[in-house]
Amino acid sequence: QVQLVESGGGLVQAGGSLRLSCAASGDTICISAMDWYRQAPGKERELVATINNGGRTYYADSVKGRFTISRDNAKNTVYLQMNSLKPEDTAVYYCFAEGRVGDFPTCEYDYWGQGTQVTVSS
């Protein structure tokens, strides 16, 4: 089993910054890429950013140039630095890890954290 615990959410004014952290524990050998998703009230959950084991990243167009995803494999932690925050960034942010089912059949396909609230006031 893998446990993902997010931290760093909170209330910030528009234009401000927050840094989210997601610490993985348990069978961390099961983890491949790690992602951040978010879900705003009344909307579907959407992918914000991805980083694979090699450090390759992907960003949603809505956050490109403002958010930065990074990863410390030694600490089994992924970060999301969020700058120039906008009210439309308000959402619950979830950490997600892709499971290495192909390499280790006992791993699960995916793992989710419990989420952390980010609120951006105008």
PDB file of N, CA and C in Angstrom:
ATOM      1  N   GLN A   1       0.830  -1.197   0.000  1.00  0.00           N
ATOM      2  CA  GLN A   1       0.000   0.000   0.000  1.00  0.00           C
ATOM      3  C   GLN A   1       0.863   1.244   0.000  1.00  0.00           C
ATOM      4  N   VAL A   2       0.334   2.272  -0.613  1.00  0.00           N
ATOM      5  CA  VAL A   2       0.992   3.568  -0.645  1.00  0.00           C
ATOM      6  C   VAL A   2       0.062   4.593  -0.019  1.00  0.00           C
ATOM      7  N   GLN A   3       0.595   5.429   0.836  1.00  0.00           N
ATOM      8  CA  GLN A   3      -0.178   6.522   1.421  1.00  0.00           C
ATOM      9  C   GLN A   3       0.395   7.847   0.910  1.00  0.00           C
ATOM     10  N   LEU A   4      -0.502   8.733   0.510  1.00  0.00           N
ATOM     11  CA  LEU A   4      -0.126  10.061   0.036  1.00  0.00           C
ATOM     12  C   LEU A   4      -0.761  11.094   0.956  1.00  0.00           C
ATOM     13  N   VAL A   5       0.038  11.994   1.480  1.00  0.00           N
ATOM     14  CA  VAL A   5      -0.471  13.024   2.391  1.00  0.00           C
ATOM     15  C   VAL A   5      -0.072  14.391   1.871  1.00  0.00           C
ATOM     16  N   GLU A   6      -1.089  15.195   1.534  1.00  0.00           N
ATOM     17  CA  GLU A   6      -0.852  16.542   1.034  1.00  0.00           C
ATOM     18  C   GLU A   6      -0.810  17.543   2.190  1.00  0.00           C
ATOM     19  N   SER A   7      -0.107  18.636   1.955  1.00  0.00           N
ATOM     20  CA  SER A   7      -0.087  19.746   2.895  1.00  0.00           C
ATOM     21  C   SER A   7       0.231  21.020   2.133  1.00  0.00           C
ATOM     22  N   GLY A   8      -0.008  22.153   2.789  1.00  0.00           N
ATOM     23  CA  GLY A   8       0.372  23.428   2.199  1.00  0.00           C
ATOM     24  C   GLY A   8      -0.763  24.258   1.648  1.00  0.00           C
ATOM     25  N   GLY A   9      -1.969  23.719   1.664  1.00  0.00           N
ATOM     26  CA  GLY A   9      -3.100  24.500   1.184  1.00  0.00           C
ATOM     27  C   GLY A   9      -3.450  25.620   2.137  1.00  0.00           C
ATOM     28  N   GLY A  10      -4.357  26.485   1.701  1.00  0.00           N
ATOM     29  CA  GLY A  10      -4.779  27.589   2.557  1.00  0.00           C
ATOM     30  C   GLY A  10      -5.467  28.672   1.771  1.00  0.00           C
ATOM     31  N   LEU A  11      -5.603  29.822   2.415  1.00  0.00           N
ATOM     32  CA  LEU A  11      -6.254  30.989   1.825  1.00  0.00           C
ATOM     33  C   LEU A  11      -5.192  32.008   1.446  1.00  0.00           C
ATOM     34  N   VAL A  12      -5.266  32.495   0.228  1.00  0.00           N
ATOM     35  CA  VAL A  12      -4.297  33.473  -0.252  1.00  0.00           C
ATOM     36  C   VAL A  12      -5.005  34.479  -1.147  1.00  0.00           C
ATOM     37  N   GLN A  13      -4.481  35.682  -1.195  1.00  0.00           N
ATOM     38  CA  GLN A  13      -5.051  36.696  -2.085  1.00  0.00           C
ATOM     39  C   GLN A  13      -4.588  36.462  -3.521  1.00  0.00           C
ATOM     40  N   ALA A  14      -5.377  36.944  -4.443  1.00  0.00           N
ATOM     41  CA  ALA A  14      -5.005  36.860  -5.856  1.00  0.00           C
ATOM     42  C   ALA A  14      -3.628  37.489  -6.062  1.00  0.00           C
ATOM     43  N   GLY A  15      -2.815  36.813  -6.860  1.00  0.00           N
ATOM     44  CA  GLY A  15      -1.459  37.269  -7.094  1.00  0.00           C
ATOM     45  C   GLY A  15      -0.443  36.659  -6.150  1.00  0.00           C
ATOM     46  N   GLY A  16      -0.923  36.007  -5.123  1.00  0.00           N
ATOM     47  CA  GLY A  16      -0.042  35.400  -4.136  1.00  0.00           C
ATOM     48  C   GLY A  16       0.457  34.030  -4.554  1.00  0.00           C
ATOM     49  N   SER A  17       1.164  33.385  -3.627  1.00  0.00           N
ATOM     50  CA  SER A  17       1.784  32.091  -3.904  1.00  0.00           C
ATOM     51  C   SER A  17       1.503  31.105  -2.787  1.00  0.00           C
ATOM     52  N   LEU A  18       1.491  29.850  -3.151  1.00  0.00           N
ATOM     53  CA  LEU A  18       1.415  28.750  -2.195  1.00  0.00           C
ATOM     54  C   LEU A  18       2.282  27.617  -2.719  1.00  0.00           C
ATOM     55  N   ARG A  19       2.772  26.811  -1.799  1.00  0.00           N
ATOM     56  CA  ARG A  19       3.527  25.617  -2.179  1.00  0.00           C
ATOM     57  C   ARG A  19       2.870  24.402  -1.536  1.00  0.00           C
ATOM     58  N   LEU A  20       2.408  23.498  -2.382  1.00  0.00           N
ATOM     59  CA  LEU A  20       1.819  22.260  -1.898  1.00  0.00           C
ATOM     60  C   LEU A  20       2.880  21.172  -1.855  1.00  0.00           C
ATOM     61  N   SER A  21       2.752  20.295  -0.874  1.00  0.00           N
ATOM     62  CA  SER A  21       3.631  19.148  -0.760  1.00  0.00           C
ATOM     63  C   SER A  21       2.795  17.881  -0.683  1.00  0.00           C
ATOM     64  N   CYS A  22       3.342  16.801  -1.199  1.00  0.00           N
ATOM     65  CA  CYS A  22       2.695  15.500  -1.107  1.00  0.00           C
ATOM     66  C   CYS A  22       3.765  14.478  -0.747  1.00  0.00           C
ATOM     67  N   ALA A  23       3.648  13.945   0.445  1.00  0.00           N
ATOM     68  CA  ALA A  23       4.621  12.968   0.927  1.00  0.00           C
ATOM     69  C   ALA A  23       4.060  11.558   0.773  1.00  0.00           C
ATOM     70  N   ALA A  24       4.836  10.708   0.150  1.00  0.00           N
ATOM     71  CA  ALA A  24       4.435   9.318  -0.047  1.00  0.00           C
ATOM     72  C   ALA A  24       5.129   8.434   0.976  1.00  0.00           C
ATOM     73  N   SER A  25       4.397   7.438   1.440  1.00  0.00           N
ATOM     74  CA  SER A  25       4.961   6.462   2.370  1.00  0.00           C
ATOM     75  C   SER A  25       4.390   5.092   2.054  1.00  0.00           C
ATOM     76  N   GLY A  26       4.975   4.079   2.660  1.00  0.00           N
ATOM     77  CA  GLY A  26       4.545   2.715   2.403  1.00  0.00           C
ATOM     78  C   GLY A  26       5.381   2.098   1.295  1.00  0.00           C
ATOM     79  N   ASP A  27       4.715   1.397   0.373  1.00  0.00           N
ATOM     80  CA  ASP A  27       5.412   0.719  -0.722  1.00  0.00           C
ATOM     81  C   ASP A  27       5.745   1.707  -1.845  1.00  0.00           C
ATOM     82  N   THR A  28       6.635   2.625  -1.567  1.00  0.00           N
ATOM     83  CA  THR A  28       6.919   3.686  -2.542  1.00  0.00           C
ATOM     84  C   THR A  28       7.574   3.161  -3.808  1.00  0.00           C
ATOM     85  N   ILE A  29       8.070   1.931  -3.766  1.00  0.00           N
ATOM     86  CA  ILE A  29       8.624   1.343  -4.991  1.00  0.00           C
ATOM     87  C   ILE A  29       7.534   1.181  -6.042  1.00  0.00           C
ATOM     88  N   CYS A  30       6.274   1.211  -5.601  1.00  0.00           N
ATOM     89  CA  CYS A  30       5.143   1.076  -6.517  1.00  0.00           C
ATOM     90  C   CYS A  30       4.887   2.334  -7.338  1.00  0.00           C
ATOM     91  N   ILE A  31       5.509   3.454  -6.973  1.00  0.00           N
ATOM     92  CA  ILE A  31       5.158   4.742  -7.578  1.00  0.00           C
ATOM     93  C   ILE A  31       5.949   4.994  -8.848  1.00  0.00           C
ATOM     94  N   SER A  32       5.216   5.388  -9.886  1.00  0.00           N
ATOM     95  CA  SER A  32       5.827   5.820 -11.135  1.00  0.00           C
ATOM     96  C   SER A  32       5.684   7.342 -11.207  1.00  0.00           C
ATOM     97  N   ALA A  33       4.916   7.838 -12.152  1.00  0.00           N
ATOM     98  CA  ALA A  33       4.701   9.285 -12.254  1.00  0.00           C
ATOM     99  C   ALA A  33       3.829   9.773 -11.091  1.00  0.00           C
ATOM    100  N   MET A  34       3.980  11.045 -10.780  1.00  0.00           N
ATOM    101  CA  MET A  34       3.144  11.669  -9.756  1.00  0.00           C
ATOM    102  C   MET A  34       2.514  12.915 -10.341  1.00  0.00           C
ATOM    103  N   ASP A  35       1.248  13.109  -9.986  1.00  0.00           N
ATOM    104  CA  ASP A  35       0.469  14.187 -10.570  1.00  0.00           C
ATOM    105  C   ASP A  35      -0.196  15.019  -9.481  1.00  0.00           C
ATOM    106  N   TRP A  36      -0.578  16.214  -9.869  1.00  0.00           N
ATOM    107  CA  TRP A  36      -1.500  17.024  -9.082  1.00  0.00           C
ATOM    108  C   TRP A  36      -2.767  17.219  -9.906  1.00  0.00           C
ATOM    109  N   TYR A  37      -3.893  16.958  -9.260  1.00  0.00           N
ATOM    110  CA  TYR A  37      -5.205  17.219  -9.832  1.00  0.00           C
ATOM    111  C   TYR A  37      -5.889  18.269  -8.962  1.00  0.00           C
ATOM    112  N   ARG A  38      -6.948  18.846  -9.494  1.00  0.00           N
ATOM    113  CA  ARG A  38      -7.764  19.739  -8.675  1.00  0.00           C
ATOM    114  C   ARG A  38      -9.216  19.603  -9.070  1.00  0.00           C
ATOM    115  N   GLN A  39     -10.076  19.921  -8.107  1.00  0.00           N
ATOM    116  CA  GLN A  39     -11.509  19.869  -8.356  1.00  0.00           C
ATOM    117  C   GLN A  39     -12.167  21.055  -7.687  1.00  0.00           C
ATOM    118  N   ALA A  40     -12.749  21.904  -8.520  1.00  0.00           N
ATOM    119  CA  ALA A  40     -13.488  23.058  -8.026  1.00  0.00           C
ATOM    120  C   ALA A  40     -14.946  22.664  -7.799  1.00  0.00           C
ATOM    121  N   PRO A  41     -15.671  23.389  -6.960  1.00  0.00           N
ATOM    122  CA  PRO A  41     -17.085  23.065  -6.706  1.00  0.00           C
ATOM    123  C   PRO A  41     -17.893  23.026  -7.989  1.00  0.00           C
ATOM    124  N   GLY A  42     -18.623  21.952  -8.189  1.00  0.00           N
ATOM    125  CA  GLY A  42     -19.472  21.832  -9.364  1.00  0.00           C
ATOM    126  C   GLY A  42     -18.752  21.482 -10.647  1.00  0.00           C
ATOM    127  N   LYS A  43     -17.459  21.230 -10.557  1.00  0.00           N
ATOM    128  CA  LYS A  43     -16.679  20.912 -11.756  1.00  0.00           C
ATOM    129  C   LYS A  43     -16.035  19.542 -11.616  1.00  0.00           C
ATOM    130  N   GLU A  44     -15.626  19.003 -12.748  1.00  0.00           N
ATOM    131  CA  GLU A  44     -14.943  17.720 -12.740  1.00  0.00           C
ATOM    132  C   GLU A  44     -13.487  17.890 -12.284  1.00  0.00           C
ATOM    133  N   ARG A  45     -12.948  16.810 -11.764  1.00  0.00           N
ATOM    134  CA  ARG A  45     -11.540  16.835 -11.382  1.00  0.00           C
ATOM    135  C   ARG A  45     -10.692  16.949 -12.641  1.00  0.00           C
ATOM    136  N   GLU A  46      -9.665  17.794 -12.594  1.00  0.00           N
ATOM    137  CA  GLU A  46      -8.830  18.010 -13.776  1.00  0.00           C
ATOM    138  C   GLU A  46      -7.353  17.871 -13.415  1.00  0.00           C
ATOM    139  N   LEU A  47      -6.593  17.422 -14.396  1.00  0.00           N
ATOM    140  CA  LEU A  47      -5.149  17.285 -14.227  1.00  0.00           C
ATOM    141  C   LEU A  47      -4.505  18.662 -14.276  1.00  0.00           C
ATOM    142  N   VAL A  48      -3.654  18.933 -13.313  1.00  0.00           N
ATOM    143  CA  VAL A  48      -2.943  20.210 -13.258  1.00  0.00           C
ATOM    144  C   VAL A  48      -1.517  20.049 -13.769  1.00  0.00           C
ATOM    145  N   ALA A  49      -0.810  19.058 -13.259  1.00  0.00           N
ATOM    146  CA  ALA A  49       0.589  18.879 -13.634  1.00  0.00           C
ATOM    147  C   ALA A  49       1.020  17.444 -13.352  1.00  0.00           C
ATOM    148  N   THR A  50       2.020  16.994 -14.107  1.00  0.00           N
ATOM    149  CA  THR A  50       2.564  15.647 -13.979  1.00  0.00           C
ATOM    150  C   THR A  50       4.076  15.713 -13.984  1.00  0.00           C
ATOM    151  N   ILE A  51       4.702  14.819 -13.223  1.00  0.00           N
ATOM    152  CA  ILE A  51       6.143  14.660 -13.289  1.00  0.00           C
ATOM    153  C   ILE A  51       6.462  13.171 -13.215  1.00  0.00           C
ATOM    154  N   ASN A  52       7.298  12.679 -14.132  1.00  0.00           N
ATOM    155  CA  ASN A  52       7.622  11.261 -14.100  1.00  0.00           C
ATOM    156  C   ASN A  52       8.901  11.020 -13.299  1.00  0.00           C
ATOM    157  N   ASN A  53       9.320   9.772 -13.248  1.00  0.00           N
ATOM    158  CA  ASN A  53      10.493   9.427 -12.443  1.00  0.00           C
ATOM    159  C   ASN A  53      11.760  10.126 -12.933  1.00  0.00           C
ATOM    160  N   GLY A  54      11.793  10.409 -14.224  1.00  0.00           N
ATOM    161  CA  GLY A  54      12.960  11.073 -14.789  1.00  0.00           C
ATOM    162  C   GLY A  54      12.914  12.588 -14.712  1.00  0.00           C
ATOM    163  N   GLY A  55      11.821  13.133 -14.177  1.00  0.00           N
ATOM    164  CA  GLY A  55      11.717  14.580 -14.038  1.00  0.00           C
ATOM    165  C   GLY A  55      11.009  15.278 -15.183  1.00  0.00           C
ATOM    166  N   ARG A  56      10.524  14.503 -16.137  1.00  0.00           N
ATOM    167  CA  ARG A  56       9.798  15.113 -17.248  1.00  0.00           C
ATOM    168  C   ARG A  56       8.449  15.614 -16.747  1.00  0.00           C
ATOM    169  N   THR A  57       8.068  16.816 -17.183  1.00  0.00           N
ATOM    170  CA  THR A  57       6.859  17.447 -16.659  1.00  0.00           C
ATOM    171  C   THR A  57       5.847  17.767 -17.751  1.00  0.00           C
ATOM    172  N   TYR A  58       4.615  17.907 -17.303  1.00  0.00           N
ATOM    173  CA  TYR A  58       3.516  18.332 -18.163  1.00  0.00           C
ATOM    174  C   TYR A  58       2.642  19.255 -17.340  1.00  0.00           C
ATOM    175  N   TYR A  59       2.111  20.306 -17.992  1.00  0.00           N
ATOM    176  CA  TYR A  59       1.233  21.244 -17.309  1.00  0.00           C
ATOM    177  C   TYR A  59      -0.032  21.480 -18.125  1.00  0.00           C
ATOM    178  N   ALA A  60      -1.120  21.657 -17.432  1.00  0.00           N
ATOM    179  CA  ALA A  60      -2.338  22.112 -18.086  1.00  0.00           C
ATOM    180  C   ALA A  60      -2.112  23.539 -18.583  1.00  0.00           C
ATOM    181  N   ASP A  61      -2.758  23.884 -19.677  1.00  0.00           N
ATOM    182  CA  ASP A  61      -2.577  25.212 -20.245  1.00  0.00           C
ATOM    183  C   ASP A  61      -2.950  26.308 -19.246  1.00  0.00           C
ATOM    184  N   SER A  62      -3.927  26.029 -18.410  1.00  0.00           N
ATOM    185  CA  SER A  62      -4.434  27.046 -17.488  1.00  0.00           C
ATOM    186  C   SER A  62      -3.420  27.430 -16.409  1.00  0.00           C
ATOM    187  N   VAL A  63      -2.395  26.590 -16.193  1.00  0.00           N
ATOM    188  CA  VAL A  63      -1.427  26.884 -15.132  1.00  0.00           C
ATOM    189  C   VAL A  63      -0.012  27.048 -15.675  1.00  0.00           C
ATOM    190  N   LYS A  64       0.172  26.819 -16.949  1.00  0.00           N
ATOM    191  CA  LYS A  64       1.512  26.894 -17.547  1.00  0.00           C
ATOM    192  C   LYS A  64       2.112  28.281 -17.342  1.00  0.00           C
ATOM    193  N   GLY A  65       3.347  28.299 -16.878  1.00  0.00           N
ATOM    194  CA  GLY A  65       4.019  29.565 -16.630  1.00  0.00           C
ATOM    195  C   GLY A  65       3.799  30.113 -15.231  1.00  0.00           C
ATOM    196  N   ARG A  66       2.834  29.551 -14.500  1.00  0.00           N
ATOM    197  CA  ARG A  66       2.558  30.025 -13.132  1.00  0.00           C
ATOM    198  C   ARG A  66       2.857  28.951 -12.080  1.00  0.00           C
ATOM    199  N   PHE A  67       2.630  27.694 -12.436  1.00  0.00           N
ATOM    200  CA  PHE A  67       2.837  26.581 -11.506  1.00  0.00           C
ATOM    201  C   PHE A  67       4.081  25.792 -11.911  1.00  0.00           C
ATOM    202  N   THR A  68       4.760  25.243 -10.916  1.00  0.00           N
ATOM    203  CA  THR A  68       5.919  24.400 -11.165  1.00  0.00           C
ATOM    204  C   THR A  68       5.817  23.143 -10.312  1.00  0.00           C
ATOM    205  N   ILE A  69       5.888  21.989 -10.959  1.00  0.00           N
ATOM    206  CA  ILE A  69       5.890  20.716 -10.243  1.00  0.00           C
ATOM    207  C   ILE A  69       7.328  20.234 -10.129  1.00  0.00           C
ATOM    208  N   SER A  70       7.668  19.701  -8.976  1.00  0.00           N
ATOM    209  CA  SER A  70       9.010  19.160  -8.772  1.00  0.00           C
ATOM    210  C   SER A  70       8.908  17.936  -7.863  1.00  0.00           C
ATOM    211  N   ARG A  71      10.020  17.228  -7.790  1.00  0.00           N
ATOM    212  CA  ARG A  71       9.970  15.943  -7.097  1.00  0.00           C
ATOM    213  C   ARG A  71      11.310  15.696  -6.426  1.00  0.00           C
ATOM    214  N   ASP A  72      11.262  15.230  -5.192  1.00  0.00           N
ATOM    215  CA  ASP A  72      12.451  14.813  -4.476  1.00  0.00           C
ATOM    216  C   ASP A  72      12.309  13.318  -4.238  1.00  0.00           C
ATOM    217  N   ASN A  73      12.945  12.525  -5.081  1.00  0.00           N
ATOM    218  CA  ASN A  73      12.781  11.073  -4.982  1.00  0.00           C
ATOM    219  C   ASN A  73      13.361  10.518  -3.685  1.00  0.00           C
ATOM    220  N   ALA A  74      14.388  11.151  -3.169  1.00  0.00           N
ATOM    221  CA  ALA A  74      14.984  10.678  -1.912  1.00  0.00           C
ATOM    222  C   ALA A  74      14.010  10.826  -0.747  1.00  0.00           C
ATOM    223  N   LYS A  75      13.155  11.839  -0.832  1.00  0.00           N
ATOM    224  CA  LYS A  75      12.173  12.088   0.228  1.00  0.00           C
ATOM    225  C   LYS A  75      10.795  11.564  -0.138  1.00  0.00           C
ATOM    226  N   ASN A  76      10.683  10.988  -1.331  1.00  0.00           N
ATOM    227  CA  ASN A  76       9.378  10.495  -1.808  1.00  0.00           C
ATOM    228  C   ASN A  76       8.309  11.583  -1.712  1.00  0.00           C
ATOM    229  N   THR A  77       8.674  12.757  -2.147  1.00  0.00           N
ATOM    230  CA  THR A  77       7.788  13.917  -2.028  1.00  0.00           C
ATOM    231  C   THR A  77       7.709  14.648  -3.360  1.00  0.00           C
ATOM    232  N   VAL A  78       6.509  15.078  -3.690  1.00  0.00           N
ATOM    233  CA  VAL A  78       6.301  15.908  -4.881  1.00  0.00           C
ATOM    234  C   VAL A  78       5.740  17.246  -4.412  1.00  0.00           C
ATOM    235  N   TYR A  79       6.120  18.288  -5.108  1.00  0.00           N
ATOM    236  CA  TYR A  79       5.730  19.651  -4.738  1.00  0.00           C
ATOM    237  C   TYR A  79       4.994  20.320  -5.901  1.00  0.00           C
ATOM    238  N   LEU A  80       4.177  21.283  -5.552  1.00  0.00           N
ATOM    239  CA  LEU A  80       3.552  22.129  -6.561  1.00  0.00           C
ATOM    240  C   LEU A  80       3.691  23.570  -6.097  1.00  0.00           C
ATOM    241  N   GLN A  81       4.590  24.292  -6.736  1.00  0.00           N
ATOM    242  CA  GLN A  81       4.761  25.710  -6.448  1.00  0.00           C
ATOM    243  C   GLN A  81       3.768  26.485  -7.299  1.00  0.00           C
ATOM    244  N   MET A  82       2.912  27.238  -6.656  1.00  0.00           N
ATOM    245  CA  MET A  82       1.853  27.959  -7.361  1.00  0.00           C
ATOM    246  C   MET A  82       2.066  29.451  -7.159  1.00  0.00           C
ATOM    247  N   ASN A  83       2.347  30.142  -8.248  1.00  0.00           N
ATOM    248  CA  ASN A  83       2.556  31.581  -8.220  1.00  0.00           C
ATOM    249  C   ASN A  83       1.464  32.290  -9.008  1.00  0.00           C
ATOM    250  N   SER A  84       1.362  33.585  -8.794  1.00  0.00           N
ATOM    251  CA  SER A  84       0.371  34.402  -9.520  1.00  0.00           C
ATOM    252  C   SER A  84      -1.004  33.754  -9.476  1.00  0.00           C
ATOM    253  N   LEU A  85      -1.408  33.368  -8.299  1.00  0.00           N
ATOM    254  CA  LEU A  85      -2.676  32.659  -8.140  1.00  0.00           C
ATOM    255  C   LEU A  85      -3.857  33.538  -8.501  1.00  0.00           C
ATOM    256  N   LYS A  86      -4.862  32.881  -9.061  1.00  0.00           N
ATOM    257  CA  LYS A  86      -6.085  33.550  -9.495  1.00  0.00           C
ATOM    258  C   LYS A  86      -7.275  32.948  -8.754  1.00  0.00           C
ATOM    259  N   PRO A  87      -8.357  33.680  -8.629  1.00  0.00           N
ATOM    260  CA  PRO A  87      -9.549  33.113  -7.979  1.00  0.00           C
ATOM    261  C   PRO A  87     -10.006  31.809  -8.624  1.00  0.00           C
ATOM    262  N   GLU A  88      -9.810  31.687  -9.919  1.00  0.00           N
ATOM    263  CA  GLU A  88     -10.227  30.459 -10.605  1.00  0.00           C
ATOM    264  C   GLU A  88      -9.333  29.265 -10.284  1.00  0.00           C
ATOM    265  N   ASP A  89      -8.265  29.476  -9.550  1.00  0.00           N
ATOM    266  CA  ASP A  89      -7.437  28.363  -9.081  1.00  0.00           C
ATOM    267  C   ASP A  89      -8.006  27.747  -7.807  1.00  0.00           C
ATOM    268  N   THR A  90      -9.036  28.362  -7.252  1.00  0.00           N
ATOM    269  CA  THR A  90      -9.656  27.834  -6.042  1.00  0.00           C
ATOM    270  C   THR A  90     -10.215  26.438  -6.294  1.00  0.00           C
ATOM    271  N   ALA A  91      -9.791  25.489  -5.467  1.00  0.00           N
ATOM    272  CA  ALA A  91     -10.188  24.094  -5.652  1.00  0.00           C
ATOM    273  C   ALA A  91      -9.596  23.256  -4.526  1.00  0.00           C
ATOM    274  N   VAL A  92     -10.034  22.019  -4.458  1.00  0.00           N
ATOM    275  CA  VAL A  92      -9.334  21.024  -3.642  1.00  0.00           C
ATOM    276  C   VAL A  92      -8.279  20.400  -4.542  1.00  0.00           C
ATOM    277  N   TYR A  93      -7.051  20.406  -4.082  1.00  0.00           N
ATOM    278  CA  TYR A  93      -5.933  19.865  -4.851  1.00  0.00           C
ATOM    279  C   TYR A  93      -5.578  18.476  -4.321  1.00  0.00           C
ATOM    280  N   TYR A  94      -5.483  17.529  -5.240  1.00  0.00           N
ATOM    281  CA  TYR A  94      -5.225  16.141  -4.898  1.00  0.00           C
ATOM    282  C   TYR A  94      -3.885  15.686  -5.476  1.00  0.00           C
ATOM    283  N   CYS A  95      -3.170  14.949  -4.697  1.00  0.00           N
ATOM    284  CA  CYS A  95      -1.957  14.286  -5.149  1.00  0.00           C
ATOM    285  C   CYS A  95      -2.332  12.907  -5.682  1.00  0.00           C
ATOM    286  N   PHE A  96      -1.710  12.507  -6.770  1.00  0.00           N
ATOM    287  CA  PHE A  96      -2.001  11.226  -7.409  1.00  0.00           C
ATOM    288  C   PHE A  96      -0.688  10.575  -7.801  1.00  0.00           C
ATOM    289  N   ALA A  97      -0.615   9.265  -7.634  1.00  0.00           N
ATOM    290  CA  ALA A  97       0.566   8.513  -8.044  1.00  0.00           C
ATOM    291  C   ALA A  97       0.161   7.350  -8.924  1.00  0.00           C
ATOM    292  N   GLU A  98       0.842   7.202 -10.023  1.00  0.00           N
ATOM    293  CA  GLU A  98       0.593   6.073 -10.910  1.00  0.00           C
ATOM    294  C   GLU A  98       1.348   4.853 -10.400  1.00  0.00           C
ATOM    295  N   GLY A  99       0.682   3.731 -10.354  1.00  0.00           N
ATOM    296  CA  GLY A  99       1.305   2.522  -9.829  1.00  0.00           C
ATOM    297  C   GLY A  99       2.053   1.754 -10.900  1.00  0.00           C
ATOM    298  N   ARG A 100       3.155   1.175 -10.517  1.00  0.00           N
ATOM    299  CA  ARG A 100       3.989   0.404 -11.435  1.00  0.00           C
ATOM    300  C   ARG A 100       3.500  -1.044 -11.499  1.00  0.00           C
ATOM    301  N   VAL A 101       2.255  -1.169 -11.956  1.00  0.00           N
ATOM    302  CA  VAL A 101       1.645  -2.501 -11.995  1.00  0.00           C
ATOM    303  C   VAL A 101       2.387  -3.418 -12.954  1.00  0.00           C
ATOM    304  N   GLY A 102       2.894  -2.881 -14.030  1.00  0.00           N
ATOM    305  CA  GLY A 102       3.600  -3.696 -15.005  1.00  0.00           C
ATOM    306  C   GLY A 102       4.887  -4.285 -14.458  1.00  0.00           C
ATOM    307  N   ASP A 103       5.540  -3.538 -13.570  1.00  0.00           N
ATOM    308  CA  ASP A 103       6.807  -4.009 -12.983  1.00  0.00           C
ATOM    309  C   ASP A 103       6.572  -4.844 -11.730  1.00  0.00           C
ATOM    310  N   PHE A 104       5.571  -4.450 -10.971  1.00  0.00           N
ATOM    311  CA  PHE A 104       5.298  -5.105  -9.697  1.00  0.00           C
ATOM    312  C   PHE A 104       3.793  -5.385  -9.607  1.00  0.00           C
ATOM    313  N   PRO A 105       3.380  -6.589  -9.931  1.00  0.00           N
ATOM    314  CA  PRO A 105       1.943  -6.923  -9.978  1.00  0.00           C
ATOM    315  C   PRO A 105       1.204  -6.713  -8.668  1.00  0.00           C
ATOM    316  N   THR A 106       1.920  -6.658  -7.558  1.00  0.00           N
ATOM    317  CA  THR A 106       1.230  -6.450  -6.280  1.00  0.00           C
ATOM    318  C   THR A 106       0.884  -4.985  -6.049  1.00  0.00           C
ATOM    319  N   CYS A 107       1.425  -4.095  -6.885  1.00  0.00           N
ATOM    320  CA  CYS A 107       1.089  -2.668  -6.754  1.00  0.00           C
ATOM    321  C   CYS A 107      -0.316  -2.427  -7.304  1.00  0.00           C
ATOM    322  N   GLU A 108      -0.910  -1.326  -6.875  1.00  0.00           N
ATOM    323  CA  GLU A 108      -2.191  -0.927  -7.419  1.00  0.00           C
ATOM    324  C   GLU A 108      -1.979  -0.017  -8.622  1.00  0.00           C
ATOM    325  N   TYR A 109      -3.044   0.200  -9.374  1.00  0.00           N
ATOM    326  CA  TYR A 109      -2.924   1.027 -10.575  1.00  0.00           C
ATOM    327  C   TYR A 109      -2.742   2.497 -10.235  1.00  0.00           C
ATOM    328  N   ASP A 110      -3.372   2.944  -9.181  1.00  0.00           N
ATOM    329  CA  ASP A 110      -3.282   4.356  -8.829  1.00  0.00           C
ATOM    330  C   ASP A 110      -3.500   4.558  -7.338  1.00  0.00           C
ATOM    331  N   TYR A 111      -2.985   5.693  -6.875  1.00  0.00           N
ATOM    332  CA  TYR A 111      -3.087   6.068  -5.466  1.00  0.00           C
ATOM    333  C   TYR A 111      -3.474   7.542  -5.389  1.00  0.00           C
ATOM    334  N   TRP A 112      -4.351   7.861  -4.441  1.00  0.00           N
ATOM    335  CA  TRP A 112      -4.821   9.238  -4.266  1.00  0.00           C
ATOM    336  C   TRP A 112      -4.580   9.711  -2.836  1.00  0.00           C
ATOM    337  N   GLY A 113      -4.265  10.985  -2.710  1.00  0.00           N
ATOM    338  CA  GLY A 113      -4.242  11.614  -1.402  1.00  0.00           C
ATOM    339  C   GLY A 113      -5.639  12.087  -1.025  1.00  0.00           C
ATOM    340  N   GLN A 114      -5.745  12.662   0.166  1.00  0.00           N
ATOM    341  CA  GLN A 114      -7.061  13.065   0.675  1.00  0.00           C
ATOM    342  C   GLN A 114      -7.471  14.462   0.213  1.00  0.00           C
ATOM    343  N   GLY A 115      -6.530  15.198  -0.335  1.00  0.00           N
ATOM    344  CA  GLY A 115      -6.822  16.531  -0.849  1.00  0.00           C
ATOM    345  C   GLY A 115      -6.515  17.637   0.131  1.00  0.00           C
ATOM    346  N   THR A 116      -6.189  18.804  -0.403  1.00  0.00           N
ATOM    347  CA  THR A 116      -5.954  19.991   0.412  1.00  0.00           C
ATOM    348  C   THR A 116      -6.626  21.180  -0.271  1.00  0.00           C
ATOM    349  N   GLN A 117      -7.306  21.992   0.523  1.00  0.00           N
ATOM    350  CA  GLN A 117      -8.084  23.105  -0.028  1.00  0.00           C
ATOM    351  C   GLN A 117      -7.182  24.303  -0.311  1.00  0.00           C
ATOM    352  N   VAL A 118      -7.340  24.841  -1.501  1.00  0.00           N
ATOM    353  CA  VAL A 118      -6.690  26.099  -1.877  1.00  0.00           C
ATOM    354  C   VAL A 118      -7.791  27.090  -2.223  1.00  0.00           C
ATOM    355  N   THR A 119      -7.792  28.227  -1.549  1.00  0.00           N
ATOM    356  CA  THR A 119      -8.779  29.268  -1.796  1.00  0.00           C
ATOM    357  C   THR A 119      -8.057  30.566  -2.123  1.00  0.00           C
ATOM    358  N   VAL A 120      -8.393  31.136  -3.277  1.00  0.00           N
ATOM    359  CA  VAL A 120      -7.776  32.378  -3.718  1.00  0.00           C
ATOM    360  C   VAL A 120      -8.845  33.457  -3.723  1.00  0.00           C
ATOM    361  N   SER A 121      -8.653  34.477  -2.914  1.00  0.00           N
ATOM    362  CA  SER A 121      -9.629  35.566  -2.829  1.00  0.00           C
ATOM    363  C   SER A 121      -9.265  36.676  -3.804  1.00  0.00           C
ATOM    364  N   SER A 122     -10.290  37.342  -4.300  1.00  0.00           N
ATOM    365  CA  SER A 122     -10.058  38.418  -5.277  1.00  0.00           C
ATOM    366  C   SER A 122      -9.871  39.760  -4.602  1.00  0.00           C
TER     367      SER A 122
END
